[in-house]
Structure formats: C-alpha cells, structure tokens
C-alpha cells in the first residue's frame, strides 16, 4: 500500500485492508495485537469531515451500539479517538453484506429470503422494544457472519417512539419510504417500508423503484401507483400478502410493527435459534406420551408442532455430526407422524393440514440436496392438485415424475429418502387405483416399483420406545 494511503495507527490494533469508504468514514479490517489476533472492523471517522449534524449522528450511533447486545446486531467492542479521527472497533463479519449475497445469487429462493427476513425482523423487534429506529435499512447495511445476518451502520439511527415524527432527510433513496420525500414528515414506520424493499429485492433481484437515473427514481417515489409484484411472480400467498402490506405507500395503511412481527410469513416463533431444540424436545416428549396413551389425534398434532421447531434446530446447529444425528432423529418423528396421520385420516381437513405440515418440513430438510428438493416440490404440486379435486392423469404424471427422482436418490443412499417414499406411497397408489378403472396408464409400472421398494426396504421400528430419546 502506498505511503500516502497507509491506514492510520491505532493503539492495540493493526489496521490492514480497506473494506469501504463513505462521506464521513472509512472502514478497515484490523487485528488485535494479542496472541489471539482477533479480527475486527474499524470504522475511522475523520473529525475534519464532521459538521454539527453528522457529529450528532455519530454520537447517537455510539450511544446506541454501546447499549444494545443482540445476536443479529453488529457489536461495538470499543471506541477510541485521537487528534484526527474517531475510531469505532466493531465485530468482524467475514461474509460480506447482503447486497453482494443477493447479487451473487441473482435471486433468492423464497425459503432463503424468509430465513433472512426472520433475522432482520428479530433485530427490529429488539430495537422497536427500545424505541430505536434504524432509518437506513438496506442490503449494504446487513452483514453476514456465516449463516447469521447482523444489522450494521447505525449512523442515521434515532431514539423514536412510535408517535414521534422527524423532518430531516435520512436514508438511501432506493430504500427510502415515500413519505420521507413526499411529506418530509415521517416516523418509525419507514423501517417497515425498507424491509419490504429488501425482501422484494431478495426475491426478484431488483428493488421496486430500480431506475436508470435519479429523475426516474424520484418520479417513481412520488407516483401514487400501488406497488405491484413482477408479472408471473411465483411466491406463496403469505409472502405476497406481507410484501404488499409492507410496500403500502400510505404509512397509515401500511402493516404495523406488531402485525409484522406476528405475520405468518415472518413466523418468528419458528426461526432458528438457541431455543429451537429445547422447544422441540419438550413438545416431542408430550407427543410420545400421548402416543403411548393411545390419543392419536393429540399425538399427531404435538409431533407436527415439535417438527416445526426441530427443522430450525437443524438449521441452527453448526456441528456437522450433531446436525446429521438430529436429522436422522427427525426422520423417525416424520415417519411416526405419517403413521398416525393414516390412523386418524377420517378427519380429512385435519389430515390435509398435517400432511401439508410434514411435506413442508421435508422440503426444508432437503434444501442442501437440490435434486431431492426439486422432486419434493414436484410432488407438492401434485398433492395440491389432488387436494383441489383434480384427480387425473396430469396429477399422476407429476407424482411419477417425482417418484423417478426419489428412486434414484434412494439408490444413492440419500438420507431420509425412504421416509419420503413411504409418505407418498399411499397417495400414489390410491390415485392410480381410481384411474386404472378407466384405462391403463403408460407409467403404471412405476407404481409397482414404488410399492415394492417402499415395502421391501422399510425396516421394522418401535417408535414409542425410541422417539423419546431425542
């Protein structure tokens, strides 16, 4: 590095590469001068660049970061100053920012976008309880540390109760709520708009107001036209509902913070966390007890509730061996839930709901195996068609398409594929029998193969004695 561009000297730290720079600050990677050589990020703010407003923002940023501790907010470890600069020593996040992550992926699958959203929502809920508004939410200010997202850059953050209003222009135009520009009066709800823009960009690869010029951007911001999703957007009903309610131009019609935190797509109750496994174990113990007592419907409901916590527990676990052991245990619970579902099938509505729950769980568990995941998503489409009353050869073809991939995965000894085959065995067989009364279907040999494989490879089990040991 040229001498003229050498990083400043800082007590107890060695500053190395420059990570980025803005109007008031430059960020460097640094190492602590100890045996541990802890990596940190150092935000260097030049005193000469600060006016009264930016100095107030910096002091507020330091005050906020000194008092907040949260797994999804970047930690301020220390701060120093000398005659030239103010230094913020921050937690190091090695994964870059969410903007680069989205750009590298082009678009994120809905399940990945949802996982990101849950972490953002968790940090916002924590800040909301302390009457803190970020006011500059954007992918560039959300950092990645492994699979964990962390909110960063509180340079515009303010202590604001829900009814406090501001007038100063804050934030980045592409993610800025329309009322900041159009009304110049705004409140904490601008953060909700920004979350909507981030989710939109994650799902579709661009922000809703993406423009080629600032004039075009301003025109879109000032327009009264409602935000629409891209033509042909394939997102779930809950995702669509949340997006459109977050991206409501009128803040009085926008989703509230409480509604956002409770929204089914956000689903904070089931986000991966240190508490996920404990919740799952507590529920599965109750399920096993109900199972042993012969209360099948109650046991099924509890197994499904436990599985909704086991899946995030798998995602939260970082140790590969523990993750795989947990995955295998969950396979047993899924199998038992399916057995119970068959026994209580007389209640068709509940049966479909529990089946949908276990299918979603299997899809989540398969997300690191793309071929298997694709087969499951095709099978889910077939199930949805059948549940809607479309019992025809098109539906059966979808099942058979999925079946072919599942059999290949089973041949490759893919984890928990046998569980999946057993789950779909009954649905395929029943549908085939209904249709075979009319004429022979060209792929009927697959049904026979399906039944043979599922029957011969299924191992005997004693669920009521083994499931309690999770």
Protein backbone atom coordinates (compact mmCIF):
# COMPACT_ATOMS: atom_id res chain seq x y z
CA UNK A 1 0.00 0.00 0.00
CA UNK A 2 1.40 3.42 -0.92
CA UNK A 3 2.60 5.52 1.99
CA UNK A 4 0.10 8.27 1.23
CA UNK A 5 -2.75 5.82 1.56
CA UNK A 6 -1.49 3.90 4.59
CA UNK A 7 -4.17 3.24 7.23
CA UNK A 8 -3.96 5.26 10.44
CA UNK A 9 -2.23 3.93 13.55
CA UNK A 10 -4.47 2.69 16.35
CA UNK A 11 -3.47 1.60 19.83
CA UNK A 12 -3.73 -2.19 20.36
CA UNK A 13 -4.72 -2.86 16.74
CA UNK A 14 -3.06 -3.38 13.35
CA UNK A 15 -5.19 -1.97 10.52
CA UNK A 16 -4.84 -3.82 7.20
CA UNK A 17 -7.07 -3.77 4.11
CA UNK A 18 -9.63 -1.07 3.40
CA UNK A 19 -13.13 -2.54 3.20
CA UNK A 20 -15.03 0.53 2.06
CA UNK A 21 -15.47 4.26 2.47
CA UNK A 22 -18.20 6.87 2.56
CA UNK A 23 -18.65 10.60 3.05
CA UNK A 24 -17.54 10.64 6.67
CA UNK A 25 -15.81 7.33 7.33
CA UNK A 26 -13.52 4.61 6.03
CA UNK A 27 -13.75 1.01 7.26
CA UNK A 28 -10.69 -1.23 7.65
CA UNK A 29 -10.14 -4.80 8.61
CA UNK A 30 -7.86 -4.99 11.64
CA UNK A 31 -6.32 -7.43 14.10
CA UNK A 32 -5.91 -7.07 17.83
CA UNK A 33 -2.26 -7.02 19.00
CA UNK A 34 -2.62 -10.08 21.20
CA UNK A 35 -1.88 -13.78 20.86
CA UNK A 36 -5.46 -14.35 19.73
CA UNK A 37 -5.10 -11.86 16.85
CA UNK A 38 -8.85 -11.28 16.98
CA UNK A 39 -10.19 -9.89 13.69
CA UNK A 40 -12.31 -6.73 13.91
CA UNK A 41 -13.65 -4.00 11.64
CA UNK A 42 -12.54 -0.45 12.43
CA UNK A 43 -14.67 2.48 11.29
CA UNK A 44 -12.41 5.52 11.02
CA UNK A 45 -14.26 8.84 11.09
CA UNK A 46 -12.28 11.94 10.17
CA UNK A 47 -13.06 14.80 12.55
CA UNK A 48 -12.49 17.31 9.75
CA UNK A 49 -15.36 15.83 7.73
CA UNK A 50 -17.92 16.20 10.53
CA UNK A 51 -20.40 19.04 10.72
CA UNK A 52 -22.80 19.55 13.62
CA UNK A 53 -25.42 17.19 12.21
CA UNK A 54 -23.02 14.36 11.37
CA UNK A 55 -21.33 14.71 14.77
CA UNK A 56 -24.72 14.30 16.46
CA UNK A 57 -25.41 11.24 14.32
CA UNK A 58 -22.05 9.71 15.26
CA UNK A 59 -22.60 10.30 18.98
CA UNK A 60 -26.07 8.74 18.73
CA UNK A 61 -24.63 5.75 16.85
CA UNK A 62 -22.04 5.19 19.58
CA UNK A 63 -24.62 5.61 22.33
CA UNK A 64 -27.00 3.10 20.71
CA UNK A 65 -24.35 0.50 19.92
CA UNK A 66 -22.89 0.74 23.43
CA UNK A 67 -26.24 -0.21 24.96
CA UNK A 68 -27.57 -2.89 22.58
CA UNK A 69 -26.48 -6.52 22.61
CA UNK A 70 -28.25 -8.82 20.19
CA UNK A 71 -27.17 -11.80 18.04
CA UNK A 72 -28.41 -10.04 14.89
CA UNK A 73 -26.87 -6.61 15.52
CA UNK A 74 -23.18 -5.88 14.95
CA UNK A 75 -21.44 -5.40 18.28
CA UNK A 76 -19.45 -2.28 19.14
CA UNK A 77 -16.43 -3.64 21.01
CA UNK A 78 -14.75 -0.33 21.83
CA UNK A 79 -14.17 3.19 20.55
CA UNK A 80 -11.13 5.47 20.64
CA UNK A 81 -10.13 8.89 19.36
CA UNK A 82 -7.05 11.00 18.69
CA UNK A 83 -6.46 14.48 17.30
CA UNK A 84 -7.52 13.48 13.77
CA UNK A 85 -10.03 10.64 13.96
CA UNK A 86 -12.68 8.81 15.93
CA UNK A 87 -12.43 5.00 15.80
CA UNK A 88 -15.28 2.54 16.23
CA UNK A 89 -13.99 -1.01 16.82
CA UNK A 90 -16.72 -3.33 15.59
CA UNK A 91 -17.40 -7.04 15.39
CA UNK A 92 -15.87 -8.61 12.28
CA UNK A 93 -18.34 -10.22 9.83
CA UNK A 94 -16.47 -12.34 7.29
CA UNK A 95 -19.32 -12.99 4.84
CA UNK A 96 -19.63 -9.53 3.31
CA UNK A 97 -23.04 -7.89 3.06
CA UNK A 98 -26.50 -8.98 1.95
CA UNK A 99 -26.26 -6.87 -1.21
CA UNK A 100 -23.31 -8.93 -2.50
CA UNK A 101 -25.04 -12.15 -1.46
CA UNK A 102 -28.18 -11.28 -3.43
CA UNK A 103 -26.15 -10.11 -6.42
CA UNK A 104 -24.12 -13.33 -6.48
CA UNK A 105 -27.30 -15.45 -6.32
CA UNK A 106 -29.27 -13.11 -8.64
CA UNK A 107 -32.46 -14.02 -6.78
CA UNK A 108 -33.02 -15.91 -3.54
CA UNK A 109 -35.43 -18.83 -3.21
CA UNK A 110 -38.40 -17.86 -1.06
CA UNK A 111 -37.31 -20.13 1.80
CA UNK A 112 -33.85 -18.45 1.89
CA UNK A 113 -35.35 -14.96 1.67
CA UNK A 114 -37.67 -15.90 4.52
CA UNK A 115 -34.74 -17.04 6.67
CA UNK A 116 -33.03 -13.70 6.05
CA UNK A 117 -36.24 -11.82 6.81
CA UNK A 118 -36.69 -13.65 10.11
CA UNK A 119 -33.28 -12.50 11.31
CA UNK A 120 -33.90 -8.91 10.23
CA UNK A 121 -37.31 -8.96 11.92
CA UNK A 122 -35.80 -10.38 15.11
CA UNK A 123 -33.32 -7.49 15.33
CA UNK A 124 -36.04 -4.92 14.52
CA UNK A 125 -38.31 -6.34 17.22
CA UNK A 126 -35.49 -5.88 19.73
CA UNK A 127 -34.88 -2.28 18.58
CA UNK A 128 -38.61 -1.50 18.47
CA UNK A 129 -38.95 -2.50 22.12
CA UNK A 130 -36.25 0.07 22.92
CA UNK A 131 -37.84 2.78 20.72
CA UNK A 132 -34.88 2.74 18.33
CA UNK A 133 -35.36 3.24 14.58
CA UNK A 134 -32.56 2.38 12.16
CA UNK A 135 -33.71 4.73 9.34
CA UNK A 136 -31.18 3.40 6.81
CA UNK A 137 -32.12 -0.23 6.28
CA UNK A 138 -30.69 -1.62 3.04
CA UNK A 139 -28.84 -4.79 1.99
CA UNK A 140 -25.48 -2.99 2.18
CA UNK A 141 -26.07 -2.38 5.90
CA UNK A 142 -26.85 -6.01 6.70
CA UNK A 143 -23.69 -8.08 7.20
CA UNK A 144 -23.18 -11.84 7.08
CA UNK A 145 -21.25 -13.87 9.62
CA UNK A 146 -21.61 -17.44 8.44
CA UNK A 147 -25.36 -18.03 8.16
CA UNK A 148 -26.13 -15.22 10.60
CA UNK A 149 -27.30 -11.77 9.46
CA UNK A 150 -26.35 -8.73 11.51
CA UNK A 151 -27.72 -5.21 11.28
CA UNK A 152 -24.95 -2.62 10.90
CA UNK A 153 -24.31 1.10 10.31
CA UNK A 154 -26.47 2.95 12.82
CA UNK A 155 -25.26 6.32 11.53
CA UNK A 156 -28.83 7.54 10.92
CA UNK A 157 -30.45 5.68 13.81
CA UNK A 158 -32.58 7.61 16.27
CA UNK A 159 -34.44 7.06 19.50
CA UNK A 160 -38.05 7.37 18.29
CA UNK A 161 -41.26 6.29 19.97
CA UNK A 162 -43.97 5.12 17.52
CA UNK A 163 -45.65 8.54 17.56
CA UNK A 164 -42.50 10.67 17.19
CA UNK A 165 -42.08 12.45 13.86
CA UNK A 166 -38.91 13.57 12.07
CA UNK A 167 -38.25 16.02 9.24
CA UNK A 168 -34.56 15.58 8.38
CA UNK A 169 -33.90 13.67 5.14
CA UNK A 170 -32.38 10.31 6.10
CA UNK A 171 -31.62 7.02 4.37
CA UNK A 172 -30.81 5.81 0.87
CA UNK A 173 -33.29 6.87 -1.87
CA UNK A 174 -33.81 3.38 -3.33
CA UNK A 175 -34.92 2.06 0.08
CA UNK A 176 -36.44 5.27 1.43
CA UNK A 177 -40.15 5.32 2.27
CA UNK A 178 -42.15 7.68 0.00
CA UNK A 179 -43.33 9.84 2.91
CA UNK A 180 -39.74 10.93 3.61
CA UNK A 181 -39.57 12.56 0.17
CA UNK A 182 -43.21 13.45 -0.42
CA UNK A 183 -44.26 14.66 3.01
CA UNK A 184 -40.99 15.37 4.80
CA UNK A 185 -42.77 14.14 7.94
CA UNK A 186 -42.23 10.53 8.90
CA UNK A 187 -41.97 8.16 11.84
CA UNK A 188 -40.62 4.73 12.74
CA UNK A 189 -42.80 3.05 10.12
CA UNK A 190 -40.28 3.97 7.42
CA UNK A 191 -38.23 0.97 8.59
CA UNK A 192 -41.11 -1.32 7.63
CA UNK A 193 -41.12 0.06 4.08
CA UNK A 194 -37.36 -0.54 3.84
CA UNK A 195 -37.81 -4.15 4.97
CA UNK A 196 -40.35 -4.59 2.17
CA UNK A 197 -37.88 -3.24 -0.40
CA UNK A 198 -35.15 -5.59 0.88
CA UNK A 199 -37.48 -8.61 0.69
CA UNK A 200 -38.64 -7.58 -2.80
CA UNK A 201 -35.03 -7.25 -3.99
CA UNK A 202 -34.08 -10.60 -2.47
CA UNK A 203 -36.94 -12.38 -4.25
CA UNK A 204 -36.84 -10.62 -7.63
CA UNK A 205 -33.25 -9.39 -7.96
CA UNK A 206 -34.04 -5.66 -8.02
CA UNK A 207 -35.72 -3.05 -5.84
CA UNK A 208 -39.28 -1.97 -6.78
CA UNK A 209 -38.07 1.55 -7.63
CA UNK A 210 -34.93 0.45 -9.54
CA UNK A 211 -34.18 3.26 -12.01
CA UNK A 212 -31.60 4.41 -14.54
CA UNK A 213 -31.49 7.97 -13.27
CA UNK A 214 -32.30 9.93 -10.14
CA UNK A 215 -35.06 11.77 -12.02
CA UNK A 216 -36.72 8.46 -12.88
CA UNK A 217 -36.31 7.31 -9.28
CA UNK A 218 -37.89 10.48 -7.92
CA UNK A 219 -40.81 10.10 -10.33
CA UNK A 220 -41.44 6.55 -9.10
CA UNK A 221 -41.21 7.62 -5.45
CA UNK A 222 -43.70 10.47 -5.95
CA UNK A 223 -46.11 8.37 -8.01
CA UNK A 224 -49.35 7.26 -6.36
CA UNK A 225 -49.44 3.99 -8.30
CA UNK A 226 -49.59 0.97 -5.93
CA UNK A 227 -46.59 -1.32 -5.82
CA UNK A 228 -47.11 -4.48 -7.88
CA UNK A 229 -45.15 -7.72 -7.93
CA UNK A 230 -43.39 -8.65 -11.20
CA UNK A 231 -45.55 -10.42 -13.77
CA UNK A 232 -45.52 -14.16 -13.18
CA UNK A 233 -44.02 -13.85 -9.70
CA UNK A 234 -44.12 -17.25 -8.01
CA UNK A 235 -44.36 -16.60 -4.31
CA UNK A 236 -46.58 -18.04 -1.61
CA UNK A 237 -49.81 -16.38 -0.54
CA UNK A 238 -48.32 -15.33 2.81
CA UNK A 239 -45.23 -13.88 1.14
CA UNK A 240 -47.31 -11.89 -1.35
CA UNK A 241 -49.56 -10.58 1.43
CA UNK A 242 -46.61 -9.40 3.52
CA UNK A 243 -44.81 -7.75 0.59
CA UNK A 244 -47.82 -5.72 -0.49
CA UNK A 245 -48.62 -4.66 3.08
CA UNK A 246 -45.02 -3.58 3.74
CA UNK A 247 -44.87 -1.68 0.44
CA UNK A 248 -48.00 0.35 1.08
CA UNK A 249 -47.25 3.97 0.12
CA UNK A 250 -49.59 5.40 2.75
CA UNK A 251 -47.97 4.76 6.17
CA UNK A 252 -51.40 4.77 7.81
CA UNK A 253 -52.39 1.79 5.65
CA UNK A 254 -49.03 0.04 5.96
CA UNK A 255 -48.70 -3.04 8.15
CA UNK A 256 -47.95 -2.12 11.79
CA UNK A 257 -44.91 -3.34 13.70
CA UNK A 258 -47.00 -5.65 15.86
CA UNK A 259 -48.72 -7.10 12.79
CA UNK A 260 -45.36 -7.53 11.08
CA UNK A 261 -43.80 -9.41 13.97
CA UNK A 262 -46.84 -11.73 14.15
CA UNK A 263 -47.23 -12.25 10.39
CA UNK A 264 -47.25 -15.95 9.37
CA UNK A 265 -44.56 -15.42 6.73
CA UNK A 266 -42.21 -13.86 9.29
CA UNK A 267 -43.04 -16.62 11.81
CA UNK A 268 -40.57 -15.53 14.49
CA UNK A 269 -41.81 -18.37 16.69
CA UNK A 270 -40.08 -20.89 14.42
CA UNK A 271 -36.92 -19.06 13.35
CA UNK A 272 -33.66 -20.95 14.04
CA UNK A 273 -32.32 -20.04 17.48
CA UNK A 274 -30.60 -21.49 20.53
CA UNK A 275 -34.06 -22.20 21.98
CA UNK A 276 -35.36 -24.21 19.00
CA UNK A 277 -34.08 -27.61 20.15
CA UNK A 278 -35.35 -27.20 23.70
CA UNK A 279 -38.84 -26.30 22.46
CA UNK A 280 -38.82 -29.26 20.07
CA UNK A 281 -37.77 -31.75 22.75
CA UNK A 282 -40.42 -30.53 25.18
CA UNK A 283 -43.14 -30.96 22.56
CA UNK A 284 -41.95 -34.36 21.37
CA UNK A 285 -41.94 -35.70 24.94
CA UNK A 286 -45.60 -34.71 25.17
CA UNK A 287 -46.26 -36.30 21.76
CA UNK A 288 -44.70 -39.61 22.78
CA UNK A 289 -46.74 -39.66 25.99
CA UNK A 290 -49.98 -39.03 24.09
CA UNK A 291 -48.92 -41.70 21.58
CA UNK A 292 -48.39 -44.23 24.36
CA UNK A 293 -51.77 -43.31 25.86
CA UNK A 294 -53.49 -44.00 22.54
CA UNK A 295 -54.54 -40.37 21.98
CA UNK A 296 -53.63 -40.40 18.31
CA UNK A 297 -55.01 -37.03 17.19
CA UNK A 298 -53.35 -35.20 20.08
CA UNK A 299 -50.09 -37.07 19.48
CA UNK A 300 -50.14 -36.20 15.76
CA UNK A 301 -50.70 -32.52 16.49
CA UNK A 302 -47.85 -32.48 19.03
CA UNK A 303 -45.46 -34.34 16.69
CA UNK A 304 -46.14 -31.77 13.96
CA UNK A 305 -45.65 -28.89 16.39
CA UNK A 306 -42.37 -30.44 17.54
CA UNK A 307 -41.19 -30.86 13.95
CA UNK A 308 -41.81 -27.16 13.30
CA UNK A 309 -39.14 -26.48 15.94
CA UNK A 310 -36.83 -29.39 15.03
CA UNK A 311 -36.27 -28.11 11.48
CA UNK A 312 -35.00 -24.67 12.63
CA UNK A 313 -32.93 -26.50 15.26
CA UNK A 314 -31.22 -28.41 12.44
CA UNK A 315 -30.51 -25.15 10.62
CA UNK A 316 -29.14 -23.57 13.80
CA UNK A 317 -26.77 -26.46 14.60
CA UNK A 318 -23.28 -25.84 13.18
CA UNK A 319 -21.59 -29.14 14.09
CA UNK A 320 -21.96 -31.50 11.11
CA UNK A 321 -22.15 -34.71 13.13
CA UNK A 322 -24.72 -33.30 15.53
CA UNK A 323 -26.70 -31.88 12.61
CA UNK A 324 -26.82 -35.26 10.85
CA UNK A 325 -27.75 -37.11 14.07
CA UNK A 326 -30.56 -34.64 14.65
CA UNK A 327 -31.72 -35.00 11.05
CA UNK A 328 -31.91 -38.79 11.43
CA UNK A 329 -33.91 -38.46 14.64
CA UNK A 330 -36.32 -36.07 12.95
CA UNK A 331 -36.82 -38.65 10.18
CA UNK A 332 -38.23 -41.01 12.80
CA UNK A 333 -40.65 -38.38 14.04
CA UNK A 334 -41.79 -37.63 10.49
CA UNK A 335 -42.40 -41.34 9.88
CA UNK A 336 -44.41 -41.70 13.07
CA UNK A 337 -46.43 -38.58 12.29
CA UNK A 338 -47.31 -40.06 8.90
CA UNK A 339 -48.34 -43.36 10.50
CA UNK A 340 -50.60 -41.50 12.91
CA UNK A 341 -51.99 -39.40 10.08
CA UNK A 342 -53.11 -42.57 8.31
CA UNK A 343 -54.83 -43.74 11.51
CA UNK A 344 -56.77 -40.51 12.01
CA UNK A 345 -57.49 -39.90 8.32
CA UNK A 346 -61.24 -39.83 8.95
CA UNK A 347 -60.96 -36.10 9.61
CA UNK A 348 -60.00 -35.11 6.06
CA UNK A 349 -59.43 -31.42 6.76
CA UNK A 350 -57.04 -32.01 9.64
CA UNK A 351 -55.40 -34.80 7.68
CA UNK A 352 -54.59 -32.48 4.79
CA UNK A 353 -53.29 -29.81 7.16
CA UNK A 354 -50.96 -32.22 8.98
CA UNK A 355 -49.83 -33.72 5.66
CA UNK A 356 -49.00 -30.25 4.37
CA UNK A 357 -47.01 -29.56 7.55
CA UNK A 358 -44.86 -32.68 7.19
CA UNK A 359 -44.33 -32.06 3.46
CA UNK A 360 -43.10 -28.55 4.20
CA UNK A 361 -40.76 -29.94 6.86
CA UNK A 362 -39.31 -32.48 4.42
CA UNK A 363 -38.75 -29.73 1.84
CA UNK A 364 -36.91 -27.64 4.44
CA UNK A 365 -34.73 -30.62 5.41
CA UNK A 366 -33.84 -31.24 1.75
CA UNK A 367 -32.65 -27.75 0.88
CA UNK A 368 -28.98 -28.81 0.83
CA UNK A 369 -29.80 -31.58 -1.72
CA UNK A 370 -31.05 -29.78 -4.88
CA UNK A 371 -32.16 -32.87 -6.82
CA UNK A 372 -34.20 -34.22 -3.93
CA UNK A 373 -35.63 -30.77 -3.24
CA UNK A 374 -36.81 -30.47 -6.85
CA UNK A 375 -38.51 -33.88 -6.63
CA UNK A 376 -40.31 -32.87 -3.44
CA UNK A 377 -41.53 -29.61 -4.93
CA UNK A 378 -42.98 -31.50 -7.92
CA UNK A 379 -44.69 -33.92 -5.52
CA UNK A 380 -46.10 -30.99 -3.54
CA UNK A 381 -47.61 -29.61 -6.75
CA UNK A 382 -49.24 -32.99 -7.37
CA UNK A 383 -50.63 -33.09 -3.84
CA UNK A 384 -52.01 -29.57 -4.20
CA UNK A 385 -53.76 -30.56 -7.44
CA UNK A 386 -55.21 -33.67 -5.81
CA UNK A 387 -56.43 -31.74 -2.76
CA UNK A 388 -58.19 -29.29 -5.08
CA UNK A 389 -60.09 -32.21 -6.63
CA UNK A 390 -58.02 -32.70 -9.79
CA UNK A 391 -57.69 -36.49 -9.71
CA UNK A 392 -56.48 -37.00 -13.29
CA UNK A 393 -53.55 -38.36 -15.25
CA UNK A 394 -51.77 -34.99 -15.19
CA UNK A 395 -51.67 -35.24 -11.40
CA UNK A 396 -50.47 -38.84 -11.58
CA UNK A 397 -47.77 -37.84 -14.07
CA UNK A 398 -46.47 -35.28 -11.59
CA UNK A 399 -46.33 -37.96 -8.91
CA UNK A 400 -44.49 -40.30 -11.30
CA UNK A 401 -42.01 -37.59 -12.27
CA UNK A 402 -41.24 -37.03 -8.60
CA UNK A 403 -41.11 -40.78 -7.97
CA UNK A 404 -38.44 -41.34 -10.59
CA UNK A 405 -36.13 -38.84 -8.90
CA UNK A 406 -36.89 -40.25 -5.45
CA UNK A 407 -36.00 -43.78 -6.54
CA UNK A 408 -32.69 -42.52 -7.95
CA UNK A 409 -31.99 -40.72 -4.67
CA UNK A 410 -32.79 -43.89 -2.72
CA UNK A 411 -30.39 -45.89 -4.91
CA UNK A 412 -27.76 -43.35 -3.95
CA UNK A 413 -28.49 -43.95 -0.26
CA UNK A 414 -29.67 -40.37 0.14
CA UNK A 415 -30.63 -39.54 3.73
CA UNK A 416 -34.30 -39.93 4.71
CA UNK A 417 -35.49 -40.61 1.12
CA UNK A 418 -37.17 -43.83 2.24
CA UNK A 419 -39.28 -41.79 4.66
CA UNK A 420 -40.43 -39.62 1.77
CA UNK A 421 -41.26 -42.61 -0.43
CA UNK A 422 -43.40 -44.12 2.32
CA UNK A 423 -45.25 -40.82 2.74
CA UNK A 424 -46.24 -40.61 -0.92
CA UNK A 425 -46.81 -44.37 -1.38
CA UNK A 426 -50.44 -44.31 -0.26
CA UNK A 427 -51.38 -41.20 -2.24
CA UNK A 428 -49.89 -42.54 -5.48
CA UNK A 429 -51.44 -46.00 -5.04
CA UNK A 430 -54.93 -44.69 -4.26
CA UNK A 431 -54.90 -42.25 -7.17
CA UNK A 432 -53.64 -44.94 -9.53
CA UNK A 433 -56.37 -47.35 -8.44
CA UNK A 434 -59.02 -44.70 -9.10
CA UNK A 435 -57.69 -44.04 -12.57
CA UNK A 436 -56.92 -47.66 -13.51
CA UNK A 437 -60.63 -48.43 -13.51
CA UNK A 438 -60.80 -46.42 -16.73
CA UNK A 439 -57.68 -47.40 -18.68
CA UNK A 440 -54.07 -48.45 -18.34
CA UNK A 441 -51.66 -45.58 -17.74
CA UNK A 442 -48.28 -45.85 -19.51
CA UNK A 443 -46.32 -45.24 -16.30
CA UNK A 444 -48.18 -47.78 -14.16
CA UNK A 445 -45.06 -49.91 -13.79
CA UNK A 446 -43.58 -47.16 -11.64
CA UNK A 447 -46.37 -47.54 -9.11
CA UNK A 448 -45.48 -51.22 -8.74
CA UNK A 449 -41.81 -50.35 -8.36
CA UNK A 450 -42.71 -47.64 -5.84
CA UNK A 451 -44.72 -50.05 -3.69
CA UNK A 452 -42.10 -52.79 -3.93
CA UNK A 453 -39.22 -50.53 -2.91
CA UNK A 454 -41.13 -48.93 -0.04
CA UNK A 455 -42.28 -52.31 1.27
CA UNK A 456 -39.03 -54.25 0.99
CA UNK A 457 -36.73 -51.52 2.27
CA UNK A 458 -38.80 -50.33 5.22
CA UNK A 459 -37.25 -51.54 8.47
CA UNK A 460 -39.33 -52.52 11.50
CA UNK A 461 -39.39 -49.89 14.20
CA UNK A 462 -40.54 -49.41 17.76
CA UNK A 463 -41.30 -45.68 17.70
CA UNK A 464 -42.83 -45.45 21.13
CA UNK A 465 -39.67 -46.79 22.74
CA UNK A 466 -37.11 -44.83 20.68
CA UNK A 467 -38.57 -41.42 19.90
CA UNK A 468 -38.31 -40.13 23.45
CA UNK A 469 -34.50 -40.21 23.32
CA UNK A 470 -34.09 -37.13 21.10
